[in-house]
């Protein structure tokens, strides 16, 4: 049986499968660990998504970015004693350059799955059936007026 962290990752996002040179199918899952690695590498998740969705194959370090994003999506498969850097480096031998566009399509699908559509906010139960304004008006509960203002004399200015 798989450990609970792997089960948790699969419950959050089932991922997308890719076939590597070893002939095996591997599941890309962009769980919290993967997203943290991507955020660290690219500086923000926004930059990561821009790089992933770009169709400009001439951008700097395009192939390196593809391998890094792939490694992040497969990080749940690394050996316990293996660092992310070692796993990322070893992945190079498993990638087929002819399949780069297939990898990108799979990564895009898995990333979309990792970020589900935001749910609609439920209506405020307090506002139900009432016309509420931003100002509480006369129904506001405030502290009583302070009597200390009367004791302060004008400086004459």
Foldseek 3Di string as FASTA:
>chain_A
DDDPVVVVQCVQFVAFWDAWQVRDIAGFTQDPQLLVQQCVVQVHVVSLVCLLPDPPCPPPPNVVSLLSLRLSRRVVVDDPVDDSVRSSVVCVVGHDVVCSVVSSVRSVVNVCSNDDDDDDDDDDPVCPPHDDDPDPPPVDDDDDDDPVVVVDDDPPD
